[in-house]
Amino acid sequence: MGWVLVLGAVLAVLLTMYLVQEQLIFHPQAMPELTRARIAERAESHFIDAADGTRLHAWHLKGSPLVIYFGGNAEEVSWMLGPAPRGAPGTGWLLVDYRGYGSSAGAPSEEALTADAMRWYDYAKDKLGAQRVVVLGRSLGSGVAVQVASARAVDGVVLVAPYDSLTNVARHHYPYLPVSWMLKHPFDSIGRAPAISAPLLCLVAERDEVIPVVHSKRLYDAWKGPKRWAELRGAGHNSTDDTPELWQAIREFLVRPH
């Protein structure tokens, strides 16, 4: 009888983790319409429709090259309207709201976020007239950026606190769970990296407690194209922007990615 109770408890834990994984991976930060309208006084507010009709939103700052930005799992990206133009003067930005984030409708998933990202890339080229496009992904967004780079002709890829795969990171944090069976959103960046020839700038936090540096290094080592590695000394996962080295490296890369 005892083993039955243990088995039941184990199955309950597995089922719970499976059912709540979206809440663990994605933390949507919605924006009230009044806030969006106020911010739109200093940045262009763009809406497009996804393939399934979901209304998507992004912020646009003019400049060249155009950097398409994919944020972290709990990030409302309008905050970048401040540091981005200061950190890389003259650069254009397209700050993407994931589904359920900012002013975008819908609910996030790996499939939806990556399909939407491709749509934003095409919009940048076809509607915004971007000649050079660089994708920048932070943390969760690194997996989105890698998938865009694997399917579109980007001019450069900047990854901040990236991972080899979400499966491997989850296995690090939950070694007692069969995460490879359970995870619905694996974000397998390392599986795509050997085929990507675009130049890479990989920025990692020395003391990253969320994505250990080893996971970033595995992705970096697998990358096919020319690459640069920059370790931000003393930074943790959520303090990379506190280091002046981050924007210095980004500026240099945007001028000379190869």
Protein backbone atom coordinates (compact mmCIF):
# COMPACT_ATOMS: atom_id res chain seq x y z
CA MET A 1 0.00 0.00 0.00
CA GLY A 2 2.89 2.34 0.78
CA TRP A 3 4.36 2.11 -2.72
CA VAL A 4 0.98 2.94 -4.21
CA LEU A 5 0.88 6.17 -2.21
CA VAL A 6 4.41 7.04 -3.28
CA LEU A 7 3.62 6.32 -6.91
CA GLY A 8 0.49 8.41 -6.67
CA ALA A 9 2.41 11.31 -5.18
CA VAL A 10 5.07 11.11 -7.90
CA LEU A 11 2.47 11.05 -10.65
CA ALA A 12 0.68 14.00 -9.06
CA VAL A 13 3.90 16.02 -9.04
CA LEU A 14 4.62 15.14 -12.66
CA LEU A 15 1.10 16.01 -13.76
CA THR A 16 1.17 19.31 -11.87
CA MET A 17 4.50 20.30 -13.38
CA TYR A 18 3.27 19.39 -16.85
CA LEU A 19 0.09 21.42 -16.47
CA VAL A 20 1.74 24.53 -14.99
CA GLN A 21 4.82 24.67 -17.21
CA GLU A 22 3.46 27.65 -19.19
CA GLN A 23 3.26 29.59 -15.91
CA LEU A 24 6.87 28.63 -15.15
CA ILE A 25 8.22 29.54 -18.61
CA PHE A 26 6.13 32.57 -19.57
CA HIS A 27 5.22 35.52 -17.34
CA PRO A 28 3.18 37.89 -19.55
CA GLN A 29 3.31 41.56 -18.64
CA ALA A 30 0.32 43.26 -20.25
CA MET A 31 0.15 47.01 -20.88
CA PRO A 32 -2.98 49.14 -20.40
CA GLU A 33 -4.08 51.01 -23.52
CA LEU A 34 -3.63 54.40 -21.84
CA THR A 35 0.00 53.54 -21.10
CA ARG A 36 0.60 52.44 -24.69
CA ALA A 37 -0.94 55.66 -26.02
CA ARG A 38 1.27 57.75 -23.74
CA ILE A 39 4.45 55.94 -24.79
CA ALA A 40 3.39 56.22 -28.45
CA GLU A 41 4.03 59.95 -28.19
CA ARG A 42 7.78 59.25 -28.28
CA ALA A 43 8.03 56.00 -30.27
CA GLU A 44 6.16 54.46 -33.19
CA SER A 45 3.57 51.91 -32.13
CA HIS A 46 3.05 49.20 -34.77
CA PHE A 47 0.35 46.54 -34.97
CA ILE A 48 0.23 43.57 -37.34
CA ASP A 49 -1.93 40.45 -37.57
CA ALA A 50 -0.40 37.01 -37.02
CA ALA A 51 -1.20 34.16 -39.40
CA ASP A 52 -4.04 33.06 -37.11
CA GLY A 53 -5.42 36.60 -36.83
CA THR A 54 -3.97 37.43 -33.40
CA ARG A 55 -3.19 41.14 -33.06
CA LEU A 56 0.53 41.72 -32.41
CA HIS A 57 2.38 44.84 -31.30
CA ALA A 58 5.93 46.21 -31.40
CA TRP A 59 7.70 49.52 -30.73
CA HIS A 60 9.79 51.03 -33.53
CA LEU A 61 12.65 53.52 -33.39
CA LYS A 62 14.11 54.51 -36.75
CA GLY A 63 17.78 53.96 -37.56
CA SER A 64 20.20 51.55 -39.18
CA PRO A 65 20.87 48.71 -38.81
CA LEU A 66 17.49 47.64 -37.46
CA VAL A 67 17.72 45.47 -34.35
CA ILE A 68 14.69 43.25 -33.69
CA TYR A 69 14.54 42.68 -29.95
CA PHE A 70 13.10 39.61 -28.21
CA GLY A 71 13.00 39.97 -24.44
CA GLY A 72 13.05 37.72 -21.39
CA ASN A 73 10.19 35.66 -20.03
CA ALA A 74 8.89 38.38 -17.68
CA GLU A 75 9.92 41.43 -19.68
CA GLU A 76 7.70 44.25 -20.88
CA VAL A 77 9.98 45.55 -23.61
CA SER A 78 8.99 49.24 -23.70
CA TRP A 79 11.61 49.88 -20.99
CA MET A 80 14.22 49.43 -23.73
CA LEU A 81 13.06 52.65 -25.38
CA GLY A 82 15.38 54.39 -22.91
CA PRO A 83 18.66 52.47 -22.85
CA ALA A 84 18.61 51.18 -26.45
CA PRO A 85 19.06 54.52 -28.26
CA ARG A 86 21.55 55.67 -25.62
CA GLY A 87 23.51 52.44 -25.72
CA ALA A 88 23.68 52.23 -29.53
CA PRO A 89 23.11 55.71 -31.02
CA GLY A 90 21.79 55.79 -34.58
CA THR A 91 20.61 52.19 -34.46
CA GLY A 92 17.02 51.33 -35.30
CA TRP A 93 14.97 49.14 -32.98
CA LEU A 94 11.88 46.98 -33.27
CA LEU A 95 10.92 45.90 -29.75
CA VAL A 96 8.56 42.96 -30.03
CA ASP A 97 5.72 42.29 -27.60
CA TYR A 98 5.19 38.54 -27.32
CA ARG A 99 1.64 37.26 -27.33
CA GLY A 100 0.01 38.26 -24.06
CA TYR A 101 2.79 40.76 -23.35
CA GLY A 102 2.63 44.52 -23.71
CA SER A 103 -0.11 45.37 -26.22
CA SER A 104 -0.14 42.02 -28.06
CA ALA A 105 -3.15 39.74 -27.76
CA GLY A 106 -3.14 35.96 -27.38
CA ALA A 107 -1.23 33.49 -25.25
CA PRO A 108 2.48 32.64 -25.60
CA SER A 109 3.98 29.36 -26.77
CA GLU A 110 7.21 28.44 -28.53
CA GLU A 111 5.42 27.78 -31.81
CA ALA A 112 3.44 31.03 -31.70
CA LEU A 113 6.36 33.23 -30.59
CA THR A 114 8.70 31.97 -33.29
CA ALA A 115 6.05 32.20 -36.04
CA ASP A 116 5.27 35.76 -34.93
CA ALA A 117 8.98 36.60 -34.90
CA MET A 118 9.34 35.51 -38.55
CA ARG A 119 6.36 37.72 -39.36
CA TRP A 120 8.01 40.70 -37.67
CA TYR A 121 11.22 40.08 -39.62
CA ASP A 122 9.28 40.05 -42.89
CA TYR A 123 7.44 43.21 -41.82
CA ALA A 124 10.74 44.93 -41.06
CA LYS A 125 12.09 44.11 -44.50
CA ASP A 126 8.92 44.67 -46.55
CA LYS A 127 7.17 47.50 -44.69
CA LEU A 128 9.85 49.29 -42.70
CA GLY A 129 12.42 49.07 -45.49
CA ALA A 130 15.20 47.70 -43.28
CA GLN A 131 18.34 47.01 -45.30
CA ARG A 132 20.31 45.38 -42.48
CA VAL A 133 18.57 43.39 -39.77
CA VAL A 134 20.16 42.11 -36.57
CA VAL A 135 18.22 39.99 -34.09
CA LEU A 136 18.86 40.42 -30.37
CA GLY A 137 17.46 37.88 -27.92
CA ARG A 138 17.70 38.03 -24.16
CA SER A 139 17.31 34.90 -22.01
CA LEU A 140 14.08 33.25 -23.21
CA GLY A 141 14.21 35.51 -26.25
CA SER A 142 17.56 34.05 -27.30
CA GLY A 143 15.68 30.93 -28.36
CA VAL A 144 13.34 33.04 -30.49
CA ALA A 145 16.23 34.96 -32.06
CA VAL A 146 18.06 31.73 -32.92
CA GLN A 147 15.01 30.38 -34.71
CA VAL A 148 14.69 33.57 -36.76
CA ALA A 149 18.39 33.38 -37.66
CA SER A 150 17.94 29.78 -38.76
CA ALA A 151 15.12 30.67 -41.14
CA ARG A 152 15.86 34.22 -42.33
CA ALA A 153 18.91 36.02 -43.75
CA VAL A 154 19.86 38.13 -40.74
CA ASP A 155 23.02 40.24 -40.72
CA GLY A 156 23.95 39.43 -37.15
CA VAL A 157 22.77 37.77 -33.96
CA VAL A 158 23.25 39.15 -30.44
CA LEU A 159 22.36 36.79 -27.59
CA VAL A 160 22.30 37.90 -23.95
CA ALA A 161 22.31 35.11 -21.35
CA PRO A 162 21.41 32.46 -23.94
CA TYR A 163 20.94 28.72 -23.45
CA ASP A 164 21.66 25.60 -25.47
CA SER A 165 18.08 24.41 -25.00
CA LEU A 166 15.33 25.05 -22.50
CA THR A 167 15.23 21.29 -21.95
CA ASN A 168 18.83 21.25 -20.76
CA VAL A 169 18.33 24.24 -18.47
CA ALA A 170 15.17 22.68 -17.02
CA ARG A 171 17.08 19.44 -16.47
CA HIS A 172 19.69 21.42 -14.51
CA HIS A 173 17.06 22.93 -12.20
CA TYR A 174 14.82 19.85 -11.98
CA PRO A 175 17.17 16.85 -12.18
CA TYR A 176 14.57 14.57 -10.64
CA LEU A 177 12.00 15.16 -13.41
CA PRO A 178 11.86 13.59 -16.91
CA VAL A 179 11.83 17.05 -18.49
CA SER A 180 12.64 15.82 -22.00
CA TRP A 181 9.30 13.98 -21.97
CA MET A 182 7.35 16.74 -20.27
CA LEU A 183 8.51 19.98 -21.85
CA LYS A 184 6.20 21.33 -24.54
CA HIS A 185 8.45 24.29 -25.38
CA PRO A 186 12.02 22.93 -25.72
CA PHE A 187 13.54 25.92 -27.60
CA ASP A 188 16.30 23.71 -29.03
CA SER A 189 18.82 26.40 -30.01
CA ILE A 190 21.81 24.09 -30.03
CA GLY A 191 20.12 21.89 -32.60
CA ARG A 192 19.94 24.84 -35.00
CA ALA A 193 23.27 26.55 -34.27
CA PRO A 194 25.50 24.32 -36.47
CA ALA A 195 23.60 25.49 -39.57
CA ILE A 196 23.59 29.25 -38.81
CA SER A 197 26.32 31.20 -40.60
CA ALA A 198 25.33 34.69 -39.39
CA PRO A 199 27.87 36.40 -37.09
CA LEU A 200 27.19 35.94 -33.37
CA LEU A 201 27.87 38.09 -30.32
CA CYS A 202 27.32 36.01 -27.19
CA LEU A 203 27.03 38.01 -23.96
CA VAL A 204 26.92 36.00 -20.74
CA ALA A 205 26.64 36.89 -17.07
CA GLU A 206 29.58 35.57 -15.05
CA ARG A 207 27.32 34.78 -12.06
CA ASP A 208 24.19 33.74 -13.90
CA GLU A 209 22.07 31.81 -11.42
CA VAL A 210 19.25 31.10 -13.89
CA ILE A 211 21.14 29.99 -17.00
CA PRO A 212 24.56 28.68 -15.95
CA VAL A 213 27.36 29.84 -18.25
CA VAL A 214 28.03 26.27 -19.39
CA HIS A 215 24.72 26.27 -21.29
CA SER A 216 25.67 29.47 -23.12
CA LYS A 217 29.11 28.04 -23.93
CA ARG A 218 27.66 24.89 -25.47
CA LEU A 219 25.54 27.00 -27.81
CA TYR A 220 28.49 29.24 -28.63
CA ASP A 221 30.74 26.27 -29.43
CA ALA A 222 28.10 24.79 -31.76
CA TRP A 223 27.64 28.03 -33.74
CA LYS A 224 28.73 27.77 -37.37
CA GLY A 225 29.33 31.42 -38.23
CA PRO A 226 31.96 33.87 -36.95
CA LYS A 227 31.48 34.53 -33.26
CA ARG A 228 32.55 36.63 -30.31
CA TRP A 229 32.29 35.70 -26.63
CA ALA A 230 31.96 38.36 -23.93
CA GLU A 231 31.61 37.45 -20.26
CA LEU A 232 30.17 40.26 -18.15
CA ARG A 233 32.20 40.21 -14.96
CA GLY A 234 30.22 40.24 -11.74
CA ALA A 235 26.85 40.26 -13.50
CA GLY A 236 23.95 38.02 -12.58
CA HIS A 237 21.12 36.95 -14.85
CA ASN A 238 19.09 40.10 -14.20
CA SER A 239 21.94 42.60 -13.92
CA THR A 240 23.64 42.35 -17.32
CA ASP A 241 22.54 45.88 -18.20
CA ASP A 242 24.35 47.25 -15.17
CA THR A 243 27.69 46.51 -16.83
CA PRO A 244 29.09 49.08 -19.30
CA GLU A 245 30.72 46.22 -21.21
CA LEU A 246 27.32 45.06 -22.51
CA TRP A 247 26.54 48.12 -24.61
CA GLN A 248 30.14 48.62 -25.60
CA ALA A 249 30.24 45.11 -27.04
CA ILE A 250 26.89 45.60 -28.80
CA ARG A 251 28.01 48.90 -30.37
CA GLU A 252 31.23 47.37 -31.67
CA PHE A 253 29.39 44.36 -33.05
CA LEU A 254 26.80 46.46 -34.89
CA VAL A 255 29.57 48.44 -36.57
CA ARG A 256 31.67 45.37 -37.44
CA PRO A 257 29.84 42.05 -36.93
CA HIS A 258 32.45 39.86 -38.63
